N, C-alpha and C. Protein backbone atom coordinates (compact mmCIF):
# COMPACT_ATOMS: atom_id res chain seq x y z
N MET A 1 15.74 -10.31 14.19
CA MET A 1 15.31 -9.47 12.96
C MET A 1 13.81 -8.63 12.76
N VAL A 2 13.90 -7.20 13.03
CA VAL A 2 12.97 -6.53 12.69
C VAL A 2 12.82 -6.27 11.36
N GLY A 3 11.57 -6.53 10.76
CA GLY A 3 11.13 -6.18 9.40
C GLY A 3 10.78 -5.33 9.32
N ARG A 4 10.89 -4.71 7.91
CA ARG A 4 10.44 -3.36 7.37
C ARG A 4 9.79 -3.89 6.35
N SER A 5 8.18 -3.47 6.13
CA SER A 5 8.06 -3.28 5.19
C SER A 5 7.82 -2.72 4.00
N VAL A 6 7.96 -2.03 2.88
CA VAL A 6 7.87 -1.51 1.65
C VAL A 6 7.10 -1.50 0.91
N LEU A 7 6.16 -0.36 0.42
CA LEU A 7 5.11 -0.57 -0.49
C LEU A 7 5.02 0.46 -1.74
N ALA A 8 5.25 -0.14 -2.55
CA ALA A 8 4.97 0.96 -4.25
C ALA A 8 3.92 0.55 -5.12
N TYR A 9 2.91 1.25 -5.27
CA TYR A 9 2.28 1.28 -6.23
C TYR A 9 2.26 1.43 -7.90
N PHE A 10 2.01 0.79 -8.47
CA PHE A 10 2.00 0.65 -10.29
C PHE A 10 0.89 1.06 -10.77
N ALA A 11 1.05 1.68 -12.04
CA ALA A 11 0.34 1.97 -13.02
C ALA A 11 -0.85 0.87 -13.58
N ARG A 12 0.46 -0.66 -14.48
CA ARG A 12 0.96 -1.87 -14.74
C ARG A 12 1.73 -2.82 -13.88
N ARG A 13 0.49 -4.25 -14.40
CA ARG A 13 0.90 -5.23 -14.17
C ARG A 13 2.88 -5.43 -14.40
N GLU A 14 3.05 -5.58 -15.90
CA GLU A 14 4.37 -5.47 -16.44
C GLU A 14 5.12 -4.83 -15.06
N GLN A 15 5.48 -3.62 -15.08
CA GLN A 15 6.01 -3.00 -13.92
C GLN A 15 5.93 -3.43 -12.99
N ALA A 16 4.80 -3.96 -12.21
CA ALA A 16 5.25 -4.08 -11.00
C ALA A 16 5.67 -5.88 -10.59
N GLU A 17 5.35 -6.92 -12.10
CA GLU A 17 6.12 -7.79 -11.83
C GLU A 17 7.45 -8.08 -12.26
N LEU A 18 8.07 -7.08 -12.99
CA LEU A 18 9.50 -6.39 -13.01
C LEU A 18 10.07 -6.29 -11.69
N ALA A 19 9.29 -5.24 -11.12
CA ALA A 19 10.12 -5.00 -9.96
C ALA A 19 10.29 -6.69 -8.68
N CYS A 20 8.97 -7.16 -9.30
CA CYS A 20 9.01 -8.17 -7.54
C CYS A 20 10.51 -9.58 -8.57
N SER A 21 10.41 -9.50 -9.71
CA SER A 21 11.47 -10.12 -10.30
C SER A 21 13.09 -9.77 -9.67
N LEU A 22 12.99 -8.08 -9.83
CA LEU A 22 14.01 -7.88 -9.52
C LEU A 22 14.60 -8.10 -8.00
N LEU A 23 13.53 -7.95 -7.17
CA LEU A 23 13.93 -8.12 -5.94
C LEU A 23 14.45 -9.28 -5.39
N ARG A 24 13.59 -10.02 -6.22
CA ARG A 24 13.78 -11.54 -5.92
C ARG A 24 15.49 -11.89 -6.10
N GLN A 25 15.82 -11.32 -7.26
CA GLN A 25 16.84 -11.70 -7.98
C GLN A 25 17.88 -11.13 -6.68
N GLU A 26 17.38 -9.86 -6.56
CA GLU A 26 19.08 -9.33 -5.42
C GLU A 26 18.45 -9.95 -3.91
N GLY A 27 17.86 -11.19 -3.48
CA GLY A 27 17.65 -11.98 -2.43
C GLY A 27 16.69 -11.50 -1.32
N TYR A 28 15.66 -10.64 -1.50
CA TYR A 28 14.25 -10.63 -0.92
C TYR A 28 13.12 -11.61 -1.09
N ASP A 29 13.22 -12.56 0.11
CA ASP A 29 12.57 -13.30 0.15
C ASP A 29 11.37 -13.32 0.25
N THR A 30 10.73 -12.01 1.20
CA THR A 30 9.04 -11.66 0.94
C THR A 30 8.75 -10.86 0.18
N VAL A 31 8.10 -11.01 -0.98
CA VAL A 31 7.89 -10.41 -2.15
C VAL A 31 6.22 -11.13 -2.00
N GLN A 32 5.67 -9.59 -2.02
CA GLN A 32 4.27 -10.01 -3.26
C GLN A 32 3.63 -8.85 -3.71
N LEU A 33 2.87 -9.35 -4.53
CA LEU A 33 2.09 -8.77 -5.65
C LEU A 33 0.14 -8.55 -5.61
N GLY A 34 -0.33 -7.83 -5.84
CA GLY A 34 -2.02 -7.79 -5.70
C GLY A 34 -2.03 -6.66 -5.99
N PRO A 35 -3.47 -6.57 -6.35
CA PRO A 35 -3.99 -5.48 -7.02
C PRO A 35 -4.40 -4.34 -5.77
N ALA A 36 -3.69 -2.87 -5.91
CA ALA A 36 -4.37 -1.91 -5.12
C ALA A 36 -5.44 -1.70 -3.94
N PRO A 37 -5.81 -1.82 -3.33
CA PRO A 37 -6.82 -1.04 -2.44
C PRO A 37 -7.41 -0.14 -3.34
N ARG A 38 -8.83 -0.13 -3.06
CA ARG A 38 -9.54 0.90 -3.04
C ARG A 38 -10.52 1.39 -1.93
N ALA A 39 -10.98 2.72 -2.55
CA ALA A 39 -11.84 2.91 -1.16
C ALA A 39 -13.44 2.27 -1.04
N ALA A 40 -13.70 1.80 -0.39
CA ALA A 40 -15.31 1.22 -0.33
C ALA A 40 -16.17 2.35 -0.96
N GLU A 41 -17.19 2.00 -1.23
CA GLU A 41 -18.12 3.46 -1.69
C GLU A 41 -19.22 3.20 -0.19
N LYS A 42 -18.86 4.80 0.32
CA LYS A 42 -19.90 5.46 1.14
C LYS A 42 -20.68 6.59 1.12
N PRO A 43 -21.61 6.45 1.86
CA PRO A 43 -22.61 7.74 1.71
C PRO A 43 -21.59 8.74 2.37
N ALA A 44 -22.34 10.11 1.89
CA ALA A 44 -21.39 11.35 2.44
C ALA A 44 -22.35 11.31 3.47
N GLY A 45 -21.60 11.40 4.70
CA GLY A 45 -22.08 11.74 6.31
C GLY A 45 -21.77 10.48 6.88
N SER A 46 -21.16 8.89 6.36
CA SER A 46 -20.98 7.93 6.98
C SER A 46 -19.51 7.71 8.09
N TYR A 47 -19.02 8.63 7.48
CA TYR A 47 -17.54 8.51 8.54
C TYR A 47 -18.13 9.83 9.37
N PRO A 48 -17.11 9.26 10.63
CA PRO A 48 -17.54 10.58 11.88
C PRO A 48 -17.05 11.43 11.44
N ASP A 49 -17.68 12.92 11.93
CA ASP A 49 -16.81 14.16 11.89
C ASP A 49 -15.12 14.41 12.86
N ARG A 50 -15.35 13.41 13.95
CA ARG A 50 -13.87 13.27 14.39
C ARG A 50 -13.40 11.65 14.82
N ILE A 51 -12.10 11.59 14.63
CA ILE A 51 -11.41 10.39 15.06
C ILE A 51 -10.58 10.73 15.92
N ASP A 52 -10.90 9.62 16.97
CA ASP A 52 -9.58 9.96 18.22
C ASP A 52 -8.78 8.62 18.00
N GLY A 53 -8.68 7.93 17.24
CA GLY A 53 -7.95 7.16 16.89
C GLY A 53 -8.10 6.29 15.75
N LEU A 54 -7.49 4.51 16.00
CA LEU A 54 -7.82 4.05 14.87
C LEU A 54 -8.95 3.25 15.55
N ALA A 55 -8.82 2.99 16.98
CA ALA A 55 -10.10 2.05 17.27
C ALA A 55 -11.25 2.67 16.59
N ASP A 56 -11.57 3.78 16.40
CA ASP A 56 -12.97 4.57 16.11
C ASP A 56 -13.37 3.83 14.89
N TRP A 57 -12.35 3.37 13.83
CA TRP A 57 -12.93 2.89 12.60
C TRP A 57 -12.62 1.48 12.16
N SER A 58 -12.75 0.83 13.46
CA SER A 58 -12.72 -0.90 13.73
C SER A 58 -13.74 -1.09 13.60
N ALA A 59 -14.37 -3.03 13.71
CA ALA A 59 -15.19 -3.18 14.15
C ALA A 59 -15.16 -4.19 15.82
N ALA A 60 -14.54 -3.30 16.33
CA ALA A 60 -14.12 -3.92 17.36
C ALA A 60 -14.90 -4.60 18.31
N ASP A 61 -15.28 -5.32 19.04
CA ASP A 61 -16.33 -6.49 19.97
C ASP A 61 -15.97 -6.09 20.85
N ASP A 62 -14.78 -5.60 21.73
CA ASP A 62 -14.87 -5.83 22.98
C ASP A 62 -13.18 -4.39 23.17
N ALA A 63 -13.09 -4.82 24.53
CA ALA A 63 -11.93 -3.72 24.45
C ALA A 63 -10.45 -3.81 24.30
N SER A 64 -10.26 -4.89 23.97
CA SER A 64 -8.86 -5.35 23.31
C SER A 64 -8.82 -4.52 21.95
N GLY A 65 -9.83 -3.81 20.81
CA GLY A 65 -9.47 -3.60 19.90
C GLY A 65 -9.31 -4.35 18.98
N ALA A 66 -9.52 -5.62 19.32
CA ALA A 66 -9.59 -6.60 17.81
C ALA A 66 -10.66 -6.94 17.10
N GLY A 67 -10.39 -6.39 16.16
CA GLY A 67 -11.59 -6.53 15.07
C GLY A 67 -11.45 -6.47 13.56
N GLU A 68 -12.35 -6.36 12.76
CA GLU A 68 -11.47 -6.27 11.28
C GLU A 68 -11.71 -4.69 11.15
N ALA A 69 -11.16 -3.84 9.78
CA ALA A 69 -11.28 -2.88 9.81
C ALA A 69 -12.64 -2.57 8.59
N VAL A 70 -13.07 -1.52 9.07
CA VAL A 70 -14.22 -1.19 8.46
C VAL A 70 -14.12 0.10 7.04
N VAL A 71 -12.99 0.87 7.54
CA VAL A 71 -12.77 1.40 6.69
C VAL A 71 -11.01 0.65 5.76
N GLU A 72 -11.43 0.53 4.39
CA GLU A 72 -10.09 0.20 3.43
C GLU A 72 -9.70 1.57 2.78
N LEU A 73 -8.25 1.93 3.24
CA LEU A 73 -7.67 3.21 3.07
C LEU A 73 -7.23 3.03 0.93
N ASP A 74 -7.54 4.39 0.69
CA ASP A 74 -7.22 4.78 -1.35
C ASP A 74 -6.31 5.07 -1.26
N SER A 75 -5.57 5.18 -2.28
CA SER A 75 -4.37 5.68 -2.39
C SER A 75 -4.51 6.81 -2.77
N ASP A 76 -5.76 7.41 -3.34
CA ASP A 76 -5.71 8.83 -3.00
C ASP A 76 -5.67 9.44 -1.66
N ALA A 77 -5.93 8.84 -0.75
CA ALA A 77 -5.44 9.41 0.74
C ALA A 77 -3.99 9.20 1.15
N GLU A 78 -3.34 8.25 0.31
CA GLU A 78 -2.06 8.63 0.35
C GLU A 78 -0.98 9.10 -0.15
N GLY A 79 -1.74 10.52 -0.79
CA GLY A 79 -1.13 11.31 -1.91
C GLY A 79 -0.41 10.72 -3.09
N LEU A 80 -1.51 10.26 -3.48
CA LEU A 80 -1.30 9.03 -4.59
C LEU A 80 -2.31 9.56 -6.22
N SER A 81 -3.27 10.73 -5.50
CA SER A 81 -4.49 10.94 -6.86
C SER A 81 -3.90 11.00 -8.22
N ARG A 82 -4.53 11.11 -9.02
CA ARG A 82 -4.51 10.73 -10.25
C ARG A 82 -3.58 12.26 -11.14
N GLU A 83 -4.32 13.27 -10.17
CA GLU A 83 -3.49 14.69 -10.42
C GLU A 83 -2.08 14.57 -10.12
N ASP A 84 -1.56 14.16 -8.76
CA ASP A 84 -0.32 14.18 -8.09
C ASP A 84 0.71 13.43 -8.97
N ALA A 85 0.05 11.95 -8.94
CA ALA A 85 1.10 11.41 -9.62
C ALA A 85 1.05 10.94 -10.98
N GLY A 86 0.01 11.71 -11.69
CA GLY A 86 -0.24 11.01 -13.10
C GLY A 86 -0.46 9.78 -13.33
N TRP A 87 -1.47 9.11 -12.68
CA TRP A 87 -2.05 7.94 -12.52
C TRP A 87 -3.19 8.32 -13.89
N PRO A 88 -2.86 7.73 -15.15
CA PRO A 88 -3.62 7.45 -16.31
C PRO A 88 -4.86 6.90 -16.12
N TRP A 89 -5.66 6.39 -14.97
CA TRP A 89 -6.89 5.72 -15.21
C TRP A 89 -7.28 5.87 -13.80
N GLY A 90 -6.98 7.24 -12.96
CA GLY A 90 -7.78 6.92 -11.13
C GLY A 90 -7.27 6.39 -10.48
N GLY A 91 -5.72 6.38 -10.50
CA GLY A 91 -4.88 5.59 -9.45
C GLY A 91 -4.03 4.16 -9.84
N PRO A 92 -3.13 3.99 -9.23
CA PRO A 92 -2.65 2.79 -9.34
C PRO A 92 -3.21 1.63 -9.34
N SER A 93 -2.90 0.91 -10.12
CA SER A 93 -4.01 -1.12 -10.16
C SER A 93 -3.18 -1.34 -10.15
N TRP A 94 -2.16 -1.90 -9.17
CA TRP A 94 -0.85 -2.65 -8.26
C TRP A 94 -0.03 -2.51 -6.95
N VAL A 95 0.29 -3.05 -6.52
CA VAL A 95 0.89 -2.44 -5.06
C VAL A 95 1.85 -4.07 -5.02
N VAL A 96 3.36 -3.89 -5.09
CA VAL A 96 3.70 -4.47 -4.33
C VAL A 96 5.01 -3.99 -2.90
N THR A 97 4.80 -5.26 -2.17
CA THR A 97 5.20 -5.07 -1.14
C THR A 97 5.87 -6.20 -0.69
N VAL A 98 7.01 -5.36 -0.20
CA VAL A 98 8.60 -6.62 0.11
C VAL A 98 9.13 -5.96 1.38
N VAL A 99 9.52 -7.07 2.44
CA VAL A 99 9.66 -6.95 3.75
C VAL A 99 10.84 -7.77 3.75
N THR A 100 11.71 -6.29 4.55
CA THR A 100 12.69 -6.76 4.47
C THR A 100 13.84 -6.32 6.15
N GLY A 101 14.81 -6.44 6.34
CA GLY A 101 15.64 -5.65 7.80
C GLY A 101 16.05 -3.85 6.72
N GLU A 102 16.29 -3.47 8.23
CA GLU A 102 16.64 -1.87 8.32
C GLU A 102 17.61 -2.18 7.17
N ASP A 103 18.68 -2.63 6.68
CA ASP A 103 19.98 -2.51 6.05
C ASP A 103 19.13 -2.86 4.17
N GLY A 104 18.21 -3.39 4.57
CA GLY A 104 17.76 -3.90 3.09
C GLY A 104 16.62 -2.70 2.31
N VAL A 105 16.37 -2.01 3.02
CA VAL A 105 15.53 -0.66 2.67
C VAL A 105 15.94 0.37 1.50
N ASN A 106 16.62 1.33 1.59
CA ASN A 106 16.69 1.65 0.71
C ASN A 106 16.91 1.45 -0.54
N ARG A 107 17.19 -0.22 -0.49
CA ARG A 107 18.10 -1.23 -2.03
C ARG A 107 16.55 -1.57 -2.14
N ALA A 108 15.81 -1.34 -1.49
CA ALA A 108 14.12 -2.06 -2.05
C ALA A 108 13.32 -0.55 -2.62
N VAL A 109 13.32 0.36 -2.03
CA VAL A 109 13.26 1.31 -3.04
C VAL A 109 13.55 2.13 -4.09
N GLN A 110 14.97 1.53 -3.97
CA GLN A 110 15.62 2.01 -5.50
C GLN A 110 14.89 1.00 -6.70
N ILE A 111 15.06 -0.22 -6.33
CA ILE A 111 14.31 -1.25 -6.99
C ILE A 111 12.85 -0.85 -7.86
N LEU A 112 12.56 -0.29 -6.74
CA LEU A 112 10.86 -0.41 -6.89
C LEU A 112 10.62 0.54 -7.93
N GLU A 113 11.24 1.93 -7.31
CA GLU A 113 11.43 3.36 -8.40
C GLU A 113 11.54 2.92 -9.81
N ASP A 114 12.86 2.37 -9.92
CA ASP A 114 13.26 2.16 -11.20
C ASP A 114 12.74 1.34 -11.87
N ALA A 115 11.96 0.61 -11.19
CA ALA A 115 10.78 -0.33 -12.52
C ALA A 115 9.91 0.64 -12.41
N GLY A 116 9.56 2.02 -11.87
CA GLY A 116 8.22 2.51 -12.56
C GLY A 116 7.19 2.89 -11.21
N GLY A 117 7.55 2.57 -9.55
CA GLY A 117 6.69 2.66 -8.57
C GLY A 117 6.64 3.47 -7.69
N ALA A 118 5.60 4.30 -7.05
CA ALA A 118 5.68 4.86 -6.20
C ALA A 118 5.68 4.43 -4.88
N VAL A 119 6.86 5.08 -4.07
CA VAL A 119 6.65 4.45 -2.86
C VAL A 119 6.07 5.34 -2.02
């Protein structure tokens, strides 16, 4: 089975916990709840003007590309800025991740959205 990851962002932990509970009741085994990632504070000009690939933003120490990420994505970069999504305090606080097969994606999205998440 090829797994698909579905992520949903929540403003309140209670909403995220409800979504996790509902997903597990529906039979989803891989469900995780955690704090939403925030962008690391970087001074102006610390990012390159042009990025040719993801390897440009990693700390790879050899040609394999293996290394840790240098830049953590912020929810604002995903179109979830407070103006766009109405987040009450500057962005979502929680993220729920569910892994499922292709046939479970639509139902997982519905559960997450019904619980108040932005998928």
